[in-house]
Amino acid sequence: MCRSQAWDAKIVTSAWWVHAQQVSKTAPSGEYLPTGSFMIRGRKNFLPPHPLVMGLSFLFKLVCPLTSVSFTHLSALCRCSDKVCGTK
C-alpha cells in the first residue's frame, strides 16, 4: 500500500491479499495480459479500511562475543567453566 495511488490521494482505503496459487502471469485463452501484469484468480481477501500510516523499524541480531573465538579456544573455555558453553 505504501506505493499505491492512495498515498497521493490521501484517502482511507483497504488492502487485499491472495494466496500464491491464485497469482498467474498468464491470461486465460482469448484474453491479453500486458507485460508486467498479473492475473488474480479466485477470491480477494480484503482487510478492513485503515488510514495510511508509514512505519519504520530496525532488525538487528545480538551476537555472543564467544562466536568470534576459534574452536580450540572455545573448548578450552568449556573445560574451565561449564557455564560458558552450556555443557554439563
PDB file of N, CA and C in Angstrom:
ATOM      1  N   MET A   1       0.811  -1.201   0.000  1.00  0.00           N
ATOM      2  CA  MET A   1       0.000   0.000   0.000  1.00  0.00           C
ATOM      3  C   MET A   1       0.848   1.257   0.000  1.00  0.00           C
ATOM      4  N   CYS A   2       2.069   1.192   0.496  1.00  0.00           N
ATOM      5  CA  CYS A   2       2.851   2.417   0.602  1.00  0.00           C
ATOM      6  C   CYS A   2       3.271   2.934  -0.762  1.00  0.00           C
ATOM      7  N   ARG A   3       3.095   2.159  -1.818  1.00  0.00           N
ATOM      8  CA  ARG A   3       3.444   2.620  -3.151  1.00  0.00           C
ATOM      9  C   ARG A   3       2.198   2.814  -4.008  1.00  0.00           C
ATOM     10  N   SER A   4       1.025   2.807  -3.401  1.00  0.00           N
ATOM     11  CA  SER A   4      -0.206   2.913  -4.174  1.00  0.00           C
ATOM     12  C   SER A   4      -0.586   4.370  -4.413  1.00  0.00           C
ATOM     13  N   GLN A   5      -1.582   4.553  -5.261  1.00  0.00           N
ATOM     14  CA  GLN A   5      -2.079   5.901  -5.560  1.00  0.00           C
ATOM     15  C   GLN A   5      -2.842   6.486  -4.375  1.00  0.00           C
ATOM     16  N   ALA A   6      -3.176   5.665  -3.394  1.00  0.00           N
ATOM     17  CA  ALA A   6      -3.897   6.150  -2.220  1.00  0.00           C
ATOM     18  C   ALA A   6      -3.055   7.153  -1.428  1.00  0.00           C
ATOM     19  N   TRP A   7      -1.726   7.027  -1.460  1.00  0.00           N
ATOM     20  CA  TRP A   7      -0.870   7.981  -0.751  1.00  0.00           C
ATOM     21  C   TRP A   7      -1.025   9.377  -1.338  1.00  0.00           C
ATOM     22  N   ASP A   8      -1.019   9.465  -2.664  1.00  0.00           N
ATOM     23  CA  ASP A   8      -1.162  10.775  -3.314  1.00  0.00           C
ATOM     24  C   ASP A   8      -2.548  11.364  -3.069  1.00  0.00           C
ATOM     25  N   ALA A   9      -3.569  10.511  -3.069  1.00  0.00           N
ATOM     26  CA  ALA A   9      -4.937  10.987  -2.885  1.00  0.00           C
ATOM     27  C   ALA A   9      -5.281  11.221  -1.418  1.00  0.00           C
ATOM     28  N   LYS A  10      -4.442  10.724  -0.483  1.00  0.00           N
ATOM     29  CA  LYS A  10      -4.677  10.859   0.958  1.00  0.00           C
ATOM     30  C   LYS A  10      -6.061  10.349   1.351  1.00  0.00           C
ATOM     31  N   ILE A  11      -6.374   9.128   0.914  1.00  0.00           N
ATOM     32  CA  ILE A  11      -7.680   8.543   1.217  1.00  0.00           C
ATOM     33  C   ILE A  11      -7.510   7.336   2.132  1.00  0.00           C
ATOM     34  N   VAL A  12      -8.594   6.970   2.802  1.00  0.00           N
ATOM     35  CA  VAL A  12      -8.630   5.754   3.605  1.00  0.00           C
ATOM     36  C   VAL A  12      -9.111   4.642   2.679  1.00  0.00           C
ATOM     37  N   THR A  13      -8.345   3.592   2.595  1.00  0.00           N
ATOM     38  CA  THR A  13      -8.690   2.506   1.680  1.00  0.00           C
ATOM     39  C   THR A  13      -8.350   1.170   2.322  1.00  0.00           C
ATOM     40  N   SER A  14      -8.794   0.104   1.714  1.00  0.00           N
ATOM     41  CA  SER A  14      -8.494  -1.223   2.249  1.00  0.00           C
ATOM     42  C   SER A  14      -7.596  -1.988   1.283  1.00  0.00           C
ATOM     43  N   ALA A  15      -6.689  -2.736   1.834  1.00  0.00           N
ATOM     44  CA  ALA A  15      -5.804  -3.578   1.043  1.00  0.00           C
ATOM     45  C   ALA A  15      -6.419  -4.972   0.940  1.00  0.00           C
ATOM     46  N   TRP A  16      -5.882  -5.788   0.057  1.00  0.00           N
ATOM     47  CA  TRP A  16      -6.351  -7.160  -0.061  1.00  0.00           C
ATOM     48  C   TRP A  16      -5.158  -8.068  -0.283  1.00  0.00           C
ATOM     49  N   TRP A  17      -5.390  -9.359  -0.031  1.00  0.00           N
ATOM     50  CA  TRP A  17      -4.344 -10.346  -0.237  1.00  0.00           C
ATOM     51  C   TRP A  17      -4.943 -11.597  -0.850  1.00  0.00           C
ATOM     52  N   VAL A  18      -4.087 -12.368  -1.527  1.00  0.00           N
ATOM     53  CA  VAL A  18      -4.488 -13.637  -2.122  1.00  0.00           C
ATOM     54  C   VAL A  18      -3.389 -14.664  -1.852  1.00  0.00           C
ATOM     55  N   HIS A  19      -3.715 -15.917  -2.015  1.00  0.00           N
ATOM     56  CA  HIS A  19      -2.728 -16.984  -1.881  1.00  0.00           C
ATOM     57  C   HIS A  19      -1.856 -17.017  -3.138  1.00  0.00           C
ATOM     58  N   ALA A  20      -0.650 -17.540  -3.014  1.00  0.00           N
ATOM     59  CA  ALA A  20       0.301 -17.584  -4.130  1.00  0.00           C
ATOM     60  C   ALA A  20      -0.262 -18.360  -5.320  1.00  0.00           C
ATOM     61  N   GLN A  21      -1.053 -19.388  -5.064  1.00  0.00           N
ATOM     62  CA  GLN A  21      -1.609 -20.191  -6.148  1.00  0.00           C
ATOM     63  C   GLN A  21      -2.604 -19.417  -7.009  1.00  0.00           C
ATOM     64  N   GLN A  22      -3.124 -18.302  -6.481  1.00  0.00           N
ATOM     65  CA  GLN A  22      -4.113 -17.507  -7.213  1.00  0.00           C
ATOM     66  C   GLN A  22      -3.474 -16.504  -8.165  1.00  0.00           C
ATOM     67  N   VAL A  23      -2.164 -16.317  -8.096  1.00  0.00           N
ATOM     68  CA  VAL A  23      -1.478 -15.328  -8.919  1.00  0.00           C
ATOM     69  C   VAL A  23      -0.845 -16.024 -10.112  1.00  0.00           C
ATOM     70  N   SER A  24      -1.081 -15.463 -11.294  1.00  0.00           N
ATOM     71  CA  SER A  24      -0.531 -16.044 -12.510  1.00  0.00           C
ATOM     72  C   SER A  24      -0.049 -14.920 -13.429  1.00  0.00           C
ATOM     73  N   LYS A  25       0.942 -15.227 -14.242  1.00  0.00           N
ATOM     74  CA  LYS A  25       1.424 -14.262 -15.228  1.00  0.00           C
ATOM     75  C   LYS A  25       0.873 -14.550 -16.615  1.00  0.00           C
ATOM     76  N   THR A  26      -0.038 -15.522 -16.691  1.00  0.00           N
ATOM     77  CA  THR A  26      -0.652 -15.849 -17.975  1.00  0.00           C
ATOM     78  C   THR A  26      -2.139 -15.552 -17.923  1.00  0.00           C
ATOM     79  N   ALA A  27      -2.666 -15.071 -19.032  1.00  0.00           N
ATOM     80  CA  ALA A  27      -4.087 -14.741 -19.126  1.00  0.00           C
ATOM     81  C   ALA A  27      -4.858 -15.965 -19.607  1.00  0.00           C
ATOM     82  N   PRO A  28      -6.156 -16.020 -19.308  1.00  0.00           N
ATOM     83  CA  PRO A  28      -6.970 -17.103 -19.859  1.00  0.00           C
ATOM     84  C   PRO A  28      -6.972 -17.025 -21.391  1.00  0.00           C
ATOM     85  N   SER A  29      -7.240 -18.143 -22.046  1.00  0.00           N
ATOM     86  CA  SER A  29      -7.226 -18.148 -23.510  1.00  0.00           C
ATOM     87  C   SER A  29      -8.231 -17.138 -24.050  1.00  0.00           C
ATOM     88  N   GLY A  30      -7.800 -16.396 -25.039  1.00  0.00           N
ATOM     89  CA  GLY A  30      -8.654 -15.374 -25.642  1.00  0.00           C
ATOM     90  C   GLY A  30      -8.517 -14.002 -25.007  1.00  0.00           C
ATOM     91  N   GLU A  31      -7.759 -13.896 -23.916  1.00  0.00           N
ATOM     92  CA  GLU A  31      -7.557 -12.603 -23.262  1.00  0.00           C
ATOM     93  C   GLU A  31      -6.093 -12.205 -23.358  1.00  0.00           C
ATOM     94  N   TYR A  32      -5.844 -10.908 -23.272  1.00  0.00           N
ATOM     95  CA  TYR A  32      -4.492 -10.377 -23.362  1.00  0.00           C
ATOM     96  C   TYR A  32      -4.085  -9.796 -22.010  1.00  0.00           C
ATOM     97  N   LEU A  33      -2.860 -10.090 -21.591  1.00  0.00           N
ATOM     98  CA  LEU A  33      -2.327  -9.569 -20.338  1.00  0.00           C
ATOM     99  C   LEU A  33      -1.078  -8.758 -20.660  1.00  0.00           C
ATOM    100  N   PRO A  34      -1.087  -7.443 -20.394  1.00  0.00           N
ATOM    101  CA  PRO A  34       0.071  -6.614 -20.730  1.00  0.00           C
ATOM    102  C   PRO A  34       1.334  -7.075 -19.994  1.00  0.00           C
ATOM    103  N   THR A  35       2.481  -6.749 -20.553  1.00  0.00           N
ATOM    104  CA  THR A  35       3.764  -7.092 -19.950  1.00  0.00           C
ATOM    105  C   THR A  35       3.872  -6.498 -18.554  1.00  0.00           C
ATOM    106  N   GLY A  36       4.312  -7.310 -17.596  1.00  0.00           N
ATOM    107  CA  GLY A  36       4.473  -6.857 -16.220  1.00  0.00           C
ATOM    108  C   GLY A  36       3.209  -6.958 -15.381  1.00  0.00           C
ATOM    109  N   SER A  37       2.119  -7.422 -15.971  1.00  0.00           N
ATOM    110  CA  SER A  37       0.852  -7.544 -15.242  1.00  0.00           C
ATOM    111  C   SER A  37       0.687  -8.948 -14.682  1.00  0.00           C
ATOM    112  N   PHE A  38      -0.216  -9.072 -13.720  1.00  0.00           N
ATOM    113  CA  PHE A  38      -0.530 -10.352 -13.099  1.00  0.00           C
ATOM    114  C   PHE A  38      -2.018 -10.593 -13.165  1.00  0.00           C
ATOM    115  N   MET A  39      -2.399 -11.841 -13.276  1.00  0.00           N
ATOM    116  CA  MET A  39      -3.814 -12.232 -13.265  1.00  0.00           C
ATOM    117  C   MET A  39      -4.106 -12.837 -11.898  1.00  0.00           C
ATOM    118  N   ILE A  40      -5.140 -12.331 -11.243  1.00  0.00           N
ATOM    119  CA  ILE A  40      -5.565 -12.861  -9.950  1.00  0.00           C
ATOM    120  C   ILE A  40      -6.810 -13.697 -10.180  1.00  0.00           C
ATOM    121  N   ARG A  41      -6.745 -14.961  -9.790  1.00  0.00           N
ATOM    122  CA  ARG A  41      -7.900 -15.857  -9.938  1.00  0.00           C
ATOM    123  C   ARG A  41      -8.462 -16.172  -8.556  1.00  0.00           C
ATOM    124  N   GLY A  42      -9.774 -16.190  -8.462  1.00  0.00           N
ATOM    125  CA  GLY A  42     -10.397 -16.528  -7.188  1.00  0.00           C
ATOM    126  C   GLY A  42     -10.748 -15.297  -6.376  1.00  0.00           C
ATOM    127  N   ARG A  43     -10.994 -15.536  -5.096  1.00  0.00           N
ATOM    128  CA  ARG A  43     -11.490 -14.500  -4.187  1.00  0.00           C
ATOM    129  C   ARG A  43     -10.358 -13.681  -3.601  1.00  0.00           C
ATOM    130  N   LYS A  44     -10.533 -12.365  -3.560  1.00  0.00           N
ATOM    131  CA  LYS A  44      -9.597 -11.474  -2.874  1.00  0.00           C
ATOM    132  C   LYS A  44     -10.041 -11.356  -1.425  1.00  0.00           C
ATOM    133  N   ASN A  45      -9.099 -11.414  -0.522  1.00  0.00           N
ATOM    134  CA  ASN A  45      -9.387 -11.292   0.902  1.00  0.00           C
ATOM    135  C   ASN A  45      -9.081  -9.859   1.335  1.00  0.00           C
ATOM    136  N   PHE A  46     -10.118  -9.076   1.537  1.00  0.00           N
ATOM    137  CA  PHE A  46      -9.945  -7.667   1.871  1.00  0.00           C
ATOM    138  C   PHE A  46      -9.699  -7.470   3.357  1.00  0.00           C
ATOM    139  N   LEU A  47      -8.805  -6.546   3.666  1.00  0.00           N
ATOM    140  CA  LEU A  47      -8.539  -6.152   5.049  1.00  0.00           C
ATOM    141  C   LEU A  47      -9.402  -4.947   5.379  1.00  0.00           C
ATOM    142  N   PRO A  48      -9.725  -4.708   6.642  1.00  0.00           N
ATOM    143  CA  PRO A  48     -10.547  -3.552   6.997  1.00  0.00           C
ATOM    144  C   PRO A  48      -9.851  -2.242   6.587  1.00  0.00           C
ATOM    145  N   PRO A  49     -10.629  -1.232   6.201  1.00  0.00           N
ATOM    146  CA  PRO A  49     -10.028   0.046   5.818  1.00  0.00           C
ATOM    147  C   PRO A  49      -9.346   0.722   7.008  1.00  0.00           C
ATOM    148  N   HIS A  50      -8.188   1.273   6.763  1.00  0.00           N
ATOM    149  CA  HIS A  50      -7.423   1.981   7.784  1.00  0.00           C
ATOM    150  C   HIS A  50      -6.762   3.197   7.151  1.00  0.00           C
ATOM    151  N   PRO A  51      -6.527   4.235   7.946  1.00  0.00           N
ATOM    152  CA  PRO A  51      -5.764   5.371   7.410  1.00  0.00           C
ATOM    153  C   PRO A  51      -4.344   4.913   7.078  1.00  0.00           C
ATOM    154  N   LEU A  52      -3.770   5.507   6.059  1.00  0.00           N
ATOM    155  CA  LEU A  52      -2.420   5.131   5.656  1.00  0.00           C
ATOM    156  C   LEU A  52      -1.408   5.706   6.634  1.00  0.00           C
ATOM    157  N   VAL A  53      -0.589   4.846   7.191  1.00  0.00           N
ATOM    158  CA  VAL A  53       0.440   5.254   8.155  1.00  0.00           C
ATOM    159  C   VAL A  53       1.726   4.549   7.751  1.00  0.00           C
ATOM    160  N   MET A  54       2.798   5.298   7.725  1.00  0.00           N
ATOM    161  CA  MET A  54       4.096   4.717   7.382  1.00  0.00           C
ATOM    162  C   MET A  54       4.847   4.432   8.672  1.00  0.00           C
ATOM    163  N   GLY A  55       5.470   3.277   8.759  1.00  0.00           N
ATOM    164  CA  GLY A  55       6.244   2.916   9.936  1.00  0.00           C
ATOM    165  C   GLY A  55       7.678   2.604   9.556  1.00  0.00           C
ATOM    166  N   LEU A  56       8.515   2.587  10.549  1.00  0.00           N
ATOM    167  CA  LEU A  56       9.924   2.280  10.348  1.00  0.00           C
ATOM    168  C   LEU A  56      10.379   1.409  11.504  1.00  0.00           C
ATOM    169  N   SER A  57      11.125   0.380  11.202  1.00  0.00           N
ATOM    170  CA  SER A  57      11.637  -0.475  12.263  1.00  0.00           C
ATOM    171  C   SER A  57      13.055  -0.900  11.923  1.00  0.00           C
ATOM    172  N   PHE A  58      13.757  -1.372  12.933  1.00  0.00           N
ATOM    173  CA  PHE A  58      15.112  -1.876  12.765  1.00  0.00           C
ATOM    174  C   PHE A  58      15.146  -3.319  13.228  1.00  0.00           C
ATOM    175  N   LEU A  59      15.867  -4.139  12.509  1.00  0.00           N
ATOM    176  CA  LEU A  59      16.048  -5.529  12.877  1.00  0.00           C
ATOM    177  C   LEU A  59      17.537  -5.755  13.076  1.00  0.00           C
ATOM    178  N   PHE A  60      17.885  -6.251  14.235  1.00  0.00           N
ATOM    179  CA  PHE A  60      19.300  -6.488  14.497  1.00  0.00           C
ATOM    180  C   PHE A  60      19.458  -7.792  15.239  1.00  0.00           C
ATOM    181  N   LYS A  61      20.677  -8.287  15.234  1.00  0.00           N
ATOM    182  CA  LYS A  61      20.965  -9.566  15.858  1.00  0.00           C
ATOM    183  C   LYS A  61      22.059  -9.368  16.886  1.00  0.00           C
ATOM    184  N   LEU A  62      21.828  -9.842  18.094  1.00  0.00           N
ATOM    185  CA  LEU A  62      22.848  -9.794  19.133  1.00  0.00           C
ATOM    186  C   LEU A  62      23.737 -11.022  18.985  1.00  0.00           C
ATOM    187  N   VAL A  63      25.028 -10.792  18.993  1.00  0.00           N
ATOM    188  CA  VAL A  63      25.970 -11.877  18.805  1.00  0.00           C
ATOM    189  C   VAL A  63      26.790 -12.033  20.079  1.00  0.00           C
ATOM    190  N   CYS A  64      26.917 -13.258  20.534  1.00  0.00           N
ATOM    191  CA  CYS A  64      27.724 -13.554  21.704  1.00  0.00           C
ATOM    192  C   CYS A  64      29.191 -13.327  21.349  1.00  0.00           C
ATOM    193  N   PRO A  65      29.963 -12.706  22.242  1.00  0.00           N
ATOM    194  CA  PRO A  65      31.373 -12.469  21.928  1.00  0.00           C
ATOM    195  C   PRO A  65      32.162 -13.761  21.730  1.00  0.00           C
ATOM    196  N   LEU A  66      31.655 -14.883  22.213  1.00  0.00           N
ATOM    197  CA  LEU A  66      32.378 -16.143  22.065  1.00  0.00           C
ATOM    198  C   LEU A  66      32.313 -16.683  20.639  1.00  0.00           C
ATOM    199  N   THR A  67      31.402 -16.158  19.796  1.00  0.00           N
ATOM    200  CA  THR A  67      31.299 -16.675  18.437  1.00  0.00           C
ATOM    201  C   THR A  67      32.524 -16.337  17.604  1.00  0.00           C
ATOM    202  N   SER A  68      33.286 -15.325  17.995  1.00  0.00           N
ATOM    203  CA  SER A  68      34.487 -14.972  17.244  1.00  0.00           C
ATOM    204  C   SER A  68      35.710 -15.757  17.727  1.00  0.00           C
ATOM    205  N   VAL A  69      35.552 -16.540  18.789  1.00  0.00           N
ATOM    206  CA  VAL A  69      36.652 -17.325  19.337  1.00  0.00           C
ATOM    207  C   VAL A  69      36.794 -18.610  18.525  1.00  0.00           C
ATOM    208  N   SER A  70      38.010 -19.025  18.236  1.00  0.00           N
ATOM    209  CA  SER A  70      38.211 -20.252  17.473  1.00  0.00           C
ATOM    210  C   SER A  70      37.758 -21.461  18.286  1.00  0.00           C
ATOM    211  N   PHE A  71      37.558 -22.586  17.613  1.00  0.00           N
ATOM    212  CA  PHE A  71      37.041 -23.783  18.267  1.00  0.00           C
ATOM    213  C   PHE A  71      37.987 -24.282  19.365  1.00  0.00           C
ATOM    214  N   THR A  72      39.289 -24.219  19.136  1.00  0.00           N
ATOM    215  CA  THR A  72      40.224 -24.711  20.156  1.00  0.00           C
ATOM    216  C   THR A  72      40.166 -23.856  21.403  1.00  0.00           C
ATOM    217  N   HIS A  73      40.043 -22.545  21.231  1.00  0.00           N
ATOM    218  CA  HIS A  73      39.928 -21.665  22.390  1.00  0.00           C
ATOM    219  C   HIS A  73      38.608 -21.878  23.113  1.00  0.00           C
ATOM    220  N   LEU A  74      37.558 -22.109  22.346  1.00  0.00           N
ATOM    221  CA  LEU A  74      36.237 -22.321  22.944  1.00  0.00           C
ATOM    222  C   LEU A  74      36.213 -23.603  23.754  1.00  0.00           C
ATOM    223  N   SER A  75      36.827 -24.673  23.257  1.00  0.00           N
ATOM    224  CA  SER A  75      36.832 -25.918  24.012  1.00  0.00           C
ATOM    225  C   SER A  75      37.642 -25.758  25.298  1.00  0.00           C
ATOM    226  N   ALA A  76      38.692 -24.925  25.274  1.00  0.00           N
ATOM    227  CA  ALA A  76      39.453 -24.658  26.488  1.00  0.00           C
ATOM    228  C   ALA A  76      38.598 -23.891  27.490  1.00  0.00           C
ATOM    229  N   LEU A  77      37.787 -22.957  27.005  1.00  0.00           N
ATOM    230  CA  LEU A  77      36.893 -22.201  27.887  1.00  0.00           C
ATOM    231  C   LEU A  77      35.850 -23.127  28.501  1.00  0.00           C
ATOM    232  N   CYS A  78      35.366 -24.080  27.743  1.00  0.00           N
ATOM    233  CA  CYS A  78      34.348 -25.007  28.252  1.00  0.00           C
ATOM    234  C   CYS A  78      34.919 -25.883  29.360  1.00  0.00           C
ATOM    235  N   ARG A  79      36.187 -26.225  29.239  1.00  0.00           N
ATOM    236  CA  ARG A  79      36.792 -27.023  30.291  1.00  0.00           C
ATOM    237  C   ARG A  79      36.958 -26.207  31.559  1.00  0.00           C
ATOM    238  N   CYS A  80      37.200 -24.892  31.387  1.00  0.00           N
ATOM    239  CA  CYS A  80      37.402 -24.036  32.555  1.00  0.00           C
ATOM    240  C   CYS A  80      36.093 -23.722  33.253  1.00  0.00           C
ATOM    241  N   SER A  81      35.026 -23.499  32.471  1.00  0.00           N
ATOM    242  CA  SER A  81      33.749 -23.095  33.060  1.00  0.00           C
ATOM    243  C   SER A  81      32.618 -23.738  32.274  1.00  0.00           C
ATOM    244  N   ASP A  82      31.869 -24.607  32.913  1.00  0.00           N
ATOM    245  CA  ASP A  82      30.751 -25.265  32.243  1.00  0.00           C
ATOM    246  C   ASP A  82      29.667 -24.290  31.836  1.00  0.00           C
ATOM    247  N   LYS A  83      29.570 -23.157  32.488  1.00  0.00           N
ATOM    248  CA  LYS A  83      28.520 -22.190  32.196  1.00  0.00           C
ATOM    249  C   LYS A  83      28.778 -21.451  30.894  1.00  0.00           C
ATOM    250  N   VAL A  84      30.009 -21.404  30.409  1.00  0.00           N
ATOM    251  CA  VAL A  84      30.325 -20.641  29.196  1.00  0.00           C
ATOM    252  C   VAL A  84      29.670 -21.247  27.982  1.00  0.00           C
ATOM    253  N   CYS A  85      29.759 -22.558  27.818  1.00  0.00           N
ATOM    254  CA  CYS A  85      29.182 -23.167  26.628  1.00  0.00           C
ATOM    255  C   CYS A  85      27.944 -24.013  26.901  1.00  0.00           C
ATOM    256  N   GLY A  86      27.528 -24.068  28.114  1.00  0.00           N
ATOM    257  CA  GLY A  86      26.305 -24.770  28.455  1.00  0.00           C
ATOM    258  C   GLY A  86      26.441 -26.272  28.570  1.00  0.00           C
ATOM    259  N   THR A  87      27.669 -26.784  28.668  1.00  0.00           N
ATOM    260  CA  THR A  87      27.860 -28.225  28.817  1.00  0.00           C
ATOM    261  C   THR A  87      27.781 -28.611  30.288  1.00  0.00           C
ATOM    262  N   LYS A  88      27.570 -29.893  30.545  1.00  0.00           N
ATOM    263  CA  LYS A  88      27.477 -30.358  31.937  1.00  0.00           C
ATOM    264  C   LYS A  88      28.686 -31.164  32.309  1.00  0.00           C
TER     265      LYS A  88
END
